[in-house]
């Protein structure tokens, strides 16, 4: 009767939940730290931070690409679209690493 108990918890990993919580906490700390950087990053780095943040928090970009007259919106959309398919966890990790490198 107890032989099937192993099937109930398949896929459960007691270390996975704390690791995700740790990643989320590190990401949230990096978001706060990004607002306190000693120097403002260059535009390409700002675009990368924007895209990684959006990918981490919202997933793949949706909606239409902004028109030619909205150059900033278009650049943001393109940067985010370039990350299509990247997992939220990977985006959080990259964002955190990038902010750390800017400190």
N, C-alpha and C. Protein backbone atom coordinates (compact mmCIF):
# COMPACT_ATOMS: atom_id res chain seq x y z
N UNK A 1 0.80 -1.19 0.00
CA UNK A 1 0.00 0.00 0.00
C UNK A 1 0.86 1.27 0.00
N UNK A 2 1.94 1.28 0.72
CA UNK A 2 2.82 2.44 0.75
C UNK A 2 3.79 2.47 -0.42
N UNK A 3 3.77 1.47 -1.24
CA UNK A 3 4.68 1.41 -2.37
C UNK A 3 4.49 2.53 -3.39
N UNK A 4 3.31 3.14 -3.46
CA UNK A 4 3.03 4.21 -4.41
C UNK A 4 3.30 5.60 -3.87
N UNK A 5 3.74 5.71 -2.65
CA UNK A 5 3.94 7.03 -2.04
C UNK A 5 5.00 7.85 -2.80
N UNK A 6 5.97 7.21 -3.41
CA UNK A 6 7.00 7.92 -4.16
C UNK A 6 6.44 8.67 -5.35
N UNK A 7 5.32 8.23 -5.91
CA UNK A 7 4.72 8.88 -7.07
C UNK A 7 4.06 10.20 -6.70
N UNK A 8 3.66 10.37 -5.47
CA UNK A 8 2.96 11.58 -5.05
C UNK A 8 3.87 12.80 -5.15
N UNK A 9 5.12 12.64 -4.80
CA UNK A 9 6.04 13.77 -4.74
C UNK A 9 6.99 13.86 -5.93
N UNK A 10 6.67 13.21 -7.02
CA UNK A 10 7.55 13.30 -8.19
C UNK A 10 7.67 14.75 -8.64
N UNK A 11 8.88 15.17 -8.93
CA UNK A 11 9.10 16.53 -9.40
C UNK A 11 9.28 17.52 -8.28
N UNK A 12 9.02 17.13 -7.05
CA UNK A 12 9.21 18.05 -5.93
C UNK A 12 10.67 18.05 -5.54
N UNK A 13 11.20 19.21 -5.38
CA UNK A 13 12.58 19.35 -4.93
C UNK A 13 12.60 20.33 -3.77
N UNK A 14 12.96 19.88 -2.58
CA UNK A 14 12.95 20.80 -1.45
C UNK A 14 13.96 21.93 -1.59
N UNK A 15 14.96 21.78 -2.44
CA UNK A 15 15.94 22.85 -2.61
C UNK A 15 15.55 23.83 -3.70
N UNK A 16 14.60 23.49 -4.55
CA UNK A 16 14.23 24.36 -5.66
C UNK A 16 13.49 25.61 -5.19
N UNK A 17 12.54 25.47 -4.29
CA UNK A 17 11.77 26.62 -3.81
C UNK A 17 12.66 27.65 -3.13
N UNK A 18 13.53 27.26 -2.19
CA UNK A 18 14.41 28.27 -1.59
C UNK A 18 15.35 28.92 -2.60
N UNK A 19 15.82 28.16 -3.59
CA UNK A 19 16.71 28.73 -4.60
C UNK A 19 15.97 29.80 -5.41
N UNK A 20 14.70 29.53 -5.73
CA UNK A 20 13.91 30.51 -6.47
C UNK A 20 13.66 31.76 -5.62
N UNK A 21 13.41 31.56 -4.32
CA UNK A 21 13.19 32.69 -3.42
C UNK A 21 14.46 33.52 -3.30
N UNK A 22 15.60 32.85 -3.26
CA UNK A 22 16.88 33.54 -3.18
C UNK A 22 17.14 34.34 -4.45
N UNK A 23 16.84 33.76 -5.61
CA UNK A 23 17.02 34.46 -6.88
C UNK A 23 16.12 35.68 -6.94
N UNK A 24 14.87 35.51 -6.54
CA UNK A 24 13.92 36.63 -6.56
C UNK A 24 14.39 37.74 -5.62
N UNK A 25 14.87 37.38 -4.45
CA UNK A 25 15.36 38.37 -3.49
C UNK A 25 16.59 39.09 -4.05
N UNK A 26 17.48 38.35 -4.68
CA UNK A 26 18.67 38.96 -5.28
C UNK A 26 18.28 39.89 -6.41
N UNK A 27 17.28 39.48 -7.21
CA UNK A 27 16.80 40.31 -8.30
C UNK A 27 16.19 41.61 -7.77
N UNK A 28 15.36 41.50 -6.76
CA UNK A 28 14.73 42.69 -6.17
C UNK A 28 15.77 43.63 -5.57
N UNK A 29 16.82 43.06 -4.96
CA UNK A 29 17.91 43.88 -4.42
C UNK A 29 18.67 44.56 -5.56
N UNK A 30 18.85 43.86 -6.67
CA UNK A 30 19.54 44.44 -7.82
C UNK A 30 18.72 45.56 -8.45
N UNK A 31 17.40 45.40 -8.48
CA UNK A 31 16.53 46.47 -9.00
C UNK A 31 16.70 47.72 -8.15
N UNK A 32 16.71 47.55 -6.83
CA UNK A 32 16.90 48.69 -5.93
C UNK A 32 18.29 49.29 -6.11
N UNK A 33 19.30 48.43 -6.24
CA UNK A 33 20.68 48.89 -6.41
C UNK A 33 20.87 49.62 -7.74
N UNK A 34 20.11 49.25 -8.75
CA UNK A 34 20.27 49.88 -10.06
C UNK A 34 19.90 51.37 -10.01
N UNK A 35 19.11 51.73 -9.03
CA UNK A 35 18.71 53.14 -8.87
C UNK A 35 19.72 53.93 -8.06
N UNK A 36 20.72 53.23 -7.51
CA UNK A 36 21.73 53.87 -6.67
C UNK A 36 23.14 53.74 -7.24
N UNK A 37 23.26 53.47 -8.51
CA UNK A 37 24.58 53.28 -9.12
C UNK A 37 25.39 54.57 -9.04
N UNK A 38 26.70 54.46 -8.89
CA UNK A 38 27.54 55.65 -8.78
C UNK A 38 27.54 56.51 -10.06
N UNK A 39 27.40 55.87 -11.21
CA UNK A 39 27.34 56.58 -12.49
C UNK A 39 26.19 56.03 -13.31
N UNK A 40 25.58 56.91 -14.09
CA UNK A 40 24.51 56.46 -14.98
C UNK A 40 25.14 55.64 -16.10
N UNK A 41 24.61 54.42 -16.34
CA UNK A 41 25.14 53.59 -17.42
C UNK A 41 24.87 54.22 -18.79
N UNK A 42 25.64 53.78 -19.79
CA UNK A 42 25.42 54.26 -21.16
C UNK A 42 24.08 53.72 -21.67
N UNK A 43 23.62 54.27 -22.78
CA UNK A 43 22.30 53.92 -23.31
C UNK A 43 22.15 52.44 -23.66
N UNK A 44 23.18 51.83 -24.18
CA UNK A 44 23.09 50.41 -24.54
C UNK A 44 22.92 49.55 -23.28
N UNK A 45 23.62 49.91 -22.22
CA UNK A 45 23.49 49.17 -20.96
C UNK A 45 22.11 49.40 -20.36
N UNK A 46 21.61 50.63 -20.44
CA UNK A 46 20.26 50.92 -19.95
C UNK A 46 19.21 50.11 -20.71
N UNK A 47 19.39 49.98 -22.02
CA UNK A 47 18.48 49.16 -22.82
C UNK A 47 18.54 47.69 -22.40
N UNK A 48 19.73 47.21 -22.13
CA UNK A 48 19.89 45.82 -21.70
C UNK A 48 19.21 45.60 -20.35
N UNK A 49 19.41 46.54 -19.42
CA UNK A 49 18.75 46.45 -18.12
C UNK A 49 17.23 46.45 -18.28
N UNK A 50 16.73 47.35 -19.11
CA UNK A 50 15.29 47.44 -19.36
C UNK A 50 14.76 46.11 -19.90
N UNK A 51 15.43 45.59 -20.92
CA UNK A 51 14.97 44.37 -21.57
C UNK A 51 15.00 43.17 -20.61
N UNK A 52 16.08 43.05 -19.84
CA UNK A 52 16.17 41.95 -18.88
C UNK A 52 15.10 42.07 -17.80
N UNK A 53 14.85 43.29 -17.33
CA UNK A 53 13.82 43.50 -16.32
C UNK A 53 12.45 43.09 -16.86
N UNK A 54 12.12 43.55 -18.07
CA UNK A 54 10.83 43.24 -18.66
C UNK A 54 10.69 41.73 -18.90
N UNK A 55 11.75 41.10 -19.39
CA UNK A 55 11.70 39.66 -19.64
C UNK A 55 11.51 38.90 -18.33
N UNK A 56 12.20 39.34 -17.28
CA UNK A 56 12.11 38.68 -15.98
C UNK A 56 10.73 38.85 -15.36
N UNK A 57 10.12 40.00 -15.54
CA UNK A 57 8.86 40.29 -14.85
C UNK A 57 7.62 40.02 -15.69
N UNK A 58 7.74 40.08 -17.02
CA UNK A 58 6.56 39.94 -17.87
C UNK A 58 6.65 38.82 -18.90
N UNK A 59 7.85 38.30 -19.15
CA UNK A 59 8.02 37.27 -20.17
C UNK A 59 8.25 37.89 -21.54
N UNK A 60 7.97 37.12 -22.58
CA UNK A 60 8.22 37.59 -23.95
C UNK A 60 7.40 38.83 -24.28
N UNK A 61 8.00 39.69 -25.09
CA UNK A 61 7.34 40.92 -25.52
C UNK A 61 6.08 40.60 -26.31
N UNK A 62 5.07 41.41 -26.12
CA UNK A 62 3.83 41.27 -26.87
C UNK A 62 3.46 42.63 -27.44
N UNK A 63 2.57 42.63 -28.38
CA UNK A 63 2.10 43.88 -28.95
C UNK A 63 2.92 44.30 -30.16
N UNK A 64 2.45 45.37 -30.76
CA UNK A 64 3.09 45.87 -31.97
C UNK A 64 4.35 46.66 -31.65
N UNK A 65 5.26 46.60 -32.57
CA UNK A 65 6.48 47.40 -32.48
C UNK A 65 6.10 48.87 -32.71
N UNK A 66 6.59 49.77 -31.85
CA UNK A 66 6.27 51.19 -32.05
C UNK A 66 6.70 51.69 -33.42
N UNK A 67 6.04 52.72 -33.86
CA UNK A 67 6.32 53.29 -35.18
C UNK A 67 7.66 53.98 -35.25
N UNK A 68 8.03 54.34 -36.47
CA UNK A 68 9.34 54.95 -36.75
C UNK A 68 9.56 56.24 -35.98
N UNK A 69 8.49 56.99 -35.71
CA UNK A 69 8.64 58.28 -35.03
C UNK A 69 8.91 58.12 -33.53
N UNK A 70 8.68 56.93 -32.96
CA UNK A 70 8.95 56.68 -31.54
C UNK A 70 10.25 55.88 -31.43
N UNK A 71 11.36 56.57 -31.59
CA UNK A 71 12.65 55.89 -31.64
C UNK A 71 13.01 55.22 -30.31
N UNK A 72 12.69 55.86 -29.18
CA UNK A 72 13.01 55.28 -27.88
C UNK A 72 12.15 54.04 -27.64
N UNK A 73 10.86 54.15 -27.89
CA UNK A 73 9.97 53.00 -27.73
C UNK A 73 10.36 51.85 -28.62
N UNK A 74 10.78 52.17 -29.82
CA UNK A 74 11.21 51.16 -30.79
C UNK A 74 12.47 50.45 -30.31
N UNK A 75 13.43 51.22 -29.78
CA UNK A 75 14.67 50.63 -29.27
C UNK A 75 14.39 49.72 -28.08
N UNK A 76 13.50 50.16 -27.18
CA UNK A 76 13.13 49.33 -26.03
C UNK A 76 12.46 48.04 -26.48
N UNK A 77 11.53 48.17 -27.40
CA UNK A 77 10.82 47.00 -27.92
C UNK A 77 11.80 46.02 -28.55
N UNK A 78 12.71 46.52 -29.36
CA UNK A 78 13.67 45.65 -30.04
C UNK A 78 14.60 44.95 -29.05
N UNK A 79 15.04 45.69 -28.02
CA UNK A 79 15.92 45.09 -27.01
C UNK A 79 15.20 43.98 -26.27
N UNK A 80 13.96 44.22 -25.92
CA UNK A 80 13.17 43.21 -25.22
C UNK A 80 12.88 42.03 -26.14
N UNK A 81 12.52 42.30 -27.38
CA UNK A 81 12.20 41.23 -28.34
C UNK A 81 13.41 40.33 -28.59
N UNK A 82 14.61 40.88 -28.47
CA UNK A 82 15.83 40.09 -28.68
C UNK A 82 15.99 39.00 -27.61
N UNK A 83 15.28 39.13 -26.50
CA UNK A 83 15.38 38.15 -25.42
C UNK A 83 14.26 37.11 -25.46
N UNK A 84 13.48 37.11 -26.53
CA UNK A 84 12.35 36.19 -26.65
C UNK A 84 12.80 34.76 -26.38
N UNK A 85 12.05 34.08 -25.52
CA UNK A 85 12.36 32.69 -25.20
C UNK A 85 13.23 32.52 -23.97
N UNK A 86 13.88 33.56 -23.51
CA UNK A 86 14.73 33.48 -22.32
C UNK A 86 13.82 33.32 -21.10
N UNK A 87 14.16 32.41 -20.22
CA UNK A 87 13.33 32.19 -19.03
C UNK A 87 13.42 33.39 -18.09
N UNK A 88 12.41 33.55 -17.29
CA UNK A 88 12.40 34.62 -16.30
C UNK A 88 13.55 34.49 -15.32
N UNK A 89 13.85 33.27 -14.91
CA UNK A 89 14.96 33.05 -13.98
C UNK A 89 16.29 33.44 -14.60
N UNK A 90 16.49 33.08 -15.87
CA UNK A 90 17.74 33.44 -16.55
C UNK A 90 17.86 34.96 -16.69
N UNK A 91 16.74 35.61 -17.00
CA UNK A 91 16.75 37.07 -17.13
C UNK A 91 17.05 37.72 -15.78
N UNK A 92 16.47 37.19 -14.70
CA UNK A 92 16.75 37.73 -13.36
C UNK A 92 18.23 37.60 -13.02
N UNK A 93 18.79 36.44 -13.33
CA UNK A 93 20.22 36.19 -13.04
C UNK A 93 21.09 37.15 -13.84
N UNK A 94 20.81 37.31 -15.12
CA UNK A 94 21.61 38.21 -15.96
C UNK A 94 21.48 39.65 -15.49
N UNK A 95 20.27 40.05 -15.14
CA UNK A 95 20.04 41.41 -14.64
C UNK A 95 20.87 41.64 -13.37
N UNK A 96 20.79 40.68 -12.44
CA UNK A 96 21.53 40.79 -11.19
C UNK A 96 23.03 40.88 -11.44
N UNK A 97 23.53 40.03 -12.32
CA UNK A 97 24.96 40.04 -12.65
C UNK A 97 25.37 41.36 -13.29
N UNK A 98 24.53 41.89 -14.18
CA UNK A 98 24.86 43.15 -14.85
C UNK A 98 24.90 44.30 -13.86
N UNK A 99 23.93 44.37 -12.97
CA UNK A 99 23.94 45.44 -11.96
C UNK A 99 25.17 45.32 -11.07
N UNK A 100 25.51 44.10 -10.67
CA UNK A 100 26.72 43.89 -9.85
C UNK A 100 27.97 44.40 -10.57
N UNK A 101 28.04 44.18 -11.87
CA UNK A 101 29.21 44.61 -12.63
C UNK A 101 29.30 46.14 -12.76
N UNK A 102 28.18 46.81 -12.55
CA UNK A 102 28.13 48.27 -12.68
C UNK A 102 28.44 48.99 -11.37
N UNK A 103 28.47 48.26 -10.28
CA UNK A 103 28.71 48.88 -8.97
C UNK A 103 30.14 49.33 -8.82
